[in-house]
């Protein structure tokens, strides 16, 4: 029975090690996903800003500005 208990204990340690490694990988991927999400957000804002800048007509002087 001692051999069975020892084997069960070794299996449990192996499973715990695998779960710890899996959690590390998940944390690493989550960090990479946050960084990628930030880049996409910045790129989207820059694209929207460029689109807005290109569609807005340049300001023209008004009659009041000419009178100055």
C-alpha atoms as a PDB file:
ATOM      1  CA  UNK A   1       0.000   0.000   0.000  1.00  0.00           C
ATOM      2  CA  UNK A   2       2.941   2.295   0.663  1.00  0.00           C
ATOM      3  CA  UNK A   3       4.029   2.025  -2.982  1.00  0.00           C
ATOM      4  CA  UNK A   4       0.552   3.058  -4.120  1.00  0.00           C
ATOM      5  CA  UNK A   5       0.558   6.052  -1.776  1.00  0.00           C
ATOM      6  CA  UNK A   6       4.044   7.028  -2.951  1.00  0.00           C
ATOM      7  CA  UNK A   7       2.967   6.801  -6.595  1.00  0.00           C
ATOM      8  CA  UNK A   8      -0.155   8.855  -5.896  1.00  0.00           C
ATOM      9  CA  UNK A   9       1.957  11.497  -4.154  1.00  0.00           C
ATOM     10  CA  UNK A  10       4.384  11.639  -7.104  1.00  0.00           C
ATOM     11  CA  UNK A  11       1.480  11.942  -9.549  1.00  0.00           C
ATOM     12  CA  UNK A  12      -0.026  14.737  -7.476  1.00  0.00           C
ATOM     13  CA  UNK A  13       3.292  16.634  -7.467  1.00  0.00           C
ATOM     14  CA  UNK A  14       3.534  16.189 -11.258  1.00  0.00           C
ATOM     15  CA  UNK A  15      -0.010  17.511 -11.766  1.00  0.00           C
ATOM     16  CA  UNK A  16       0.710  20.477  -9.471  1.00  0.00           C
ATOM     17  CA  UNK A  17       3.901  21.254 -11.414  1.00  0.00           C
ATOM     18  CA  UNK A  18       2.012  21.078 -14.721  1.00  0.00           C
ATOM     19  CA  UNK A  19      -0.727  23.364 -13.374  1.00  0.00           C
ATOM     20  CA  UNK A  20       1.881  25.836 -12.115  1.00  0.00           C
ATOM     21  CA  UNK A  21       3.578  25.850 -15.522  1.00  0.00           C
ATOM     22  CA  UNK A  22       0.213  26.243 -17.263  1.00  0.00           C
ATOM     23  CA  UNK A  23      -0.625  29.222 -15.012  1.00  0.00           C
ATOM     24  CA  UNK A  24       2.747  30.793 -15.848  1.00  0.00           C
ATOM     25  CA  UNK A  25       2.055  30.396 -19.561  1.00  0.00           C
ATOM     26  CA  UNK A  26      -1.430  31.874 -19.165  1.00  0.00           C
ATOM     27  CA  UNK A  27      -0.009  34.869 -17.288  1.00  0.00           C
ATOM     28  CA  UNK A  28       2.638  35.367 -19.972  1.00  0.00           C
ATOM     29  CA  UNK A  29       0.064  35.198 -22.771  1.00  0.00           C
ATOM     30  CA  UNK A  30      -2.236  37.577 -20.897  1.00  0.00           C
ATOM     31  CA  UNK A  31       0.608  40.097 -20.670  1.00  0.00           C
ATOM     32  CA  UNK A  32       1.306  39.768 -24.383  1.00  0.00           C
ATOM     33  CA  UNK A  33      -2.395  40.138 -25.150  1.00  0.00           C
ATOM     34  CA  UNK A  34      -2.575  43.342 -23.058  1.00  0.00           C
ATOM     35  CA  UNK A  35       0.418  44.762 -24.938  1.00  0.00           C
ATOM     36  CA  UNK A  36      -1.084  43.797 -28.308  1.00  0.00           C
ATOM     37  CA  UNK A  37      -4.446  45.248 -27.320  1.00  0.00           C
ATOM     38  CA  UNK A  38      -2.728  48.508 -26.381  1.00  0.00           C
ATOM     39  CA  UNK A  39      -0.959  48.650 -29.753  1.00  0.00           C
ATOM     40  CA  UNK A  40      -4.214  48.031 -31.615  1.00  0.00           C
ATOM     41  CA  UNK A  41      -5.906  50.753 -29.574  1.00  0.00           C
ATOM     42  CA  UNK A  42      -3.129  53.259 -30.316  1.00  0.00           C
ATOM     43  CA  UNK A  43      -3.127  52.333 -34.007  1.00  0.00           C
ATOM     44  CA  UNK A  44      -6.931  52.660 -34.183  1.00  0.00           C
ATOM     45  CA  UNK A  45      -6.840  56.097 -32.567  1.00  0.00           C
ATOM     46  CA  UNK A  46      -4.074  57.226 -34.922  1.00  0.00           C
ATOM     47  CA  UNK A  47      -6.035  55.955 -37.937  1.00  0.00           C
ATOM     48  CA  UNK A  48      -9.216  57.667 -36.779  1.00  0.00           C
ATOM     49  CA  UNK A  49      -7.305  60.891 -36.161  1.00  0.00           C
ATOM     50  CA  UNK A  50      -5.728  60.733 -39.639  1.00  0.00           C
ATOM     51  CA  UNK A  51      -9.119  60.031 -41.224  1.00  0.00           C
ATOM     52  CA  UNK A  52     -10.684  62.928 -39.340  1.00  0.00           C
ATOM     53  CA  UNK A  53      -7.844  65.281 -40.257  1.00  0.00           C
ATOM     54  CA  UNK A  54      -8.168  64.405 -43.934  1.00  0.00           C
ATOM     55  CA  UNK A  55     -11.954  64.886 -44.043  1.00  0.00           C
ATOM     56  CA  UNK A  56     -12.127  68.173 -42.149  1.00  0.00           C
ATOM     57  CA  UNK A  57     -11.830  71.137 -44.502  1.00  0.00           C
ATOM     58  CA  UNK A  58      -9.166  73.658 -43.592  1.00  0.00           C
ATOM     59  CA  UNK A  59     -10.518  76.707 -41.803  1.00  0.00           C
ATOM     60  CA  UNK A  60     -11.178  79.658 -44.084  1.00  0.00           C
ATOM     61  CA  UNK A  61     -10.893  83.224 -42.889  1.00  0.00           C
ATOM     62  CA  UNK A  62     -14.221  84.862 -42.164  1.00  0.00           C
ATOM     63  CA  UNK A  63     -15.274  88.345 -43.061  1.00  0.00           C
ATOM     64  CA  UNK A  64     -14.636  89.475 -39.509  1.00  0.00           C
ATOM     65  CA  UNK A  65     -11.068  88.209 -39.681  1.00  0.00           C
ATOM     66  CA  UNK A  66     -10.591  90.178 -42.929  1.00  0.00           C
ATOM     67  CA  UNK A  67     -11.819  93.369 -41.288  1.00  0.00           C
ATOM     68  CA  UNK A  68      -9.046  93.238 -38.679  1.00  0.00           C
END
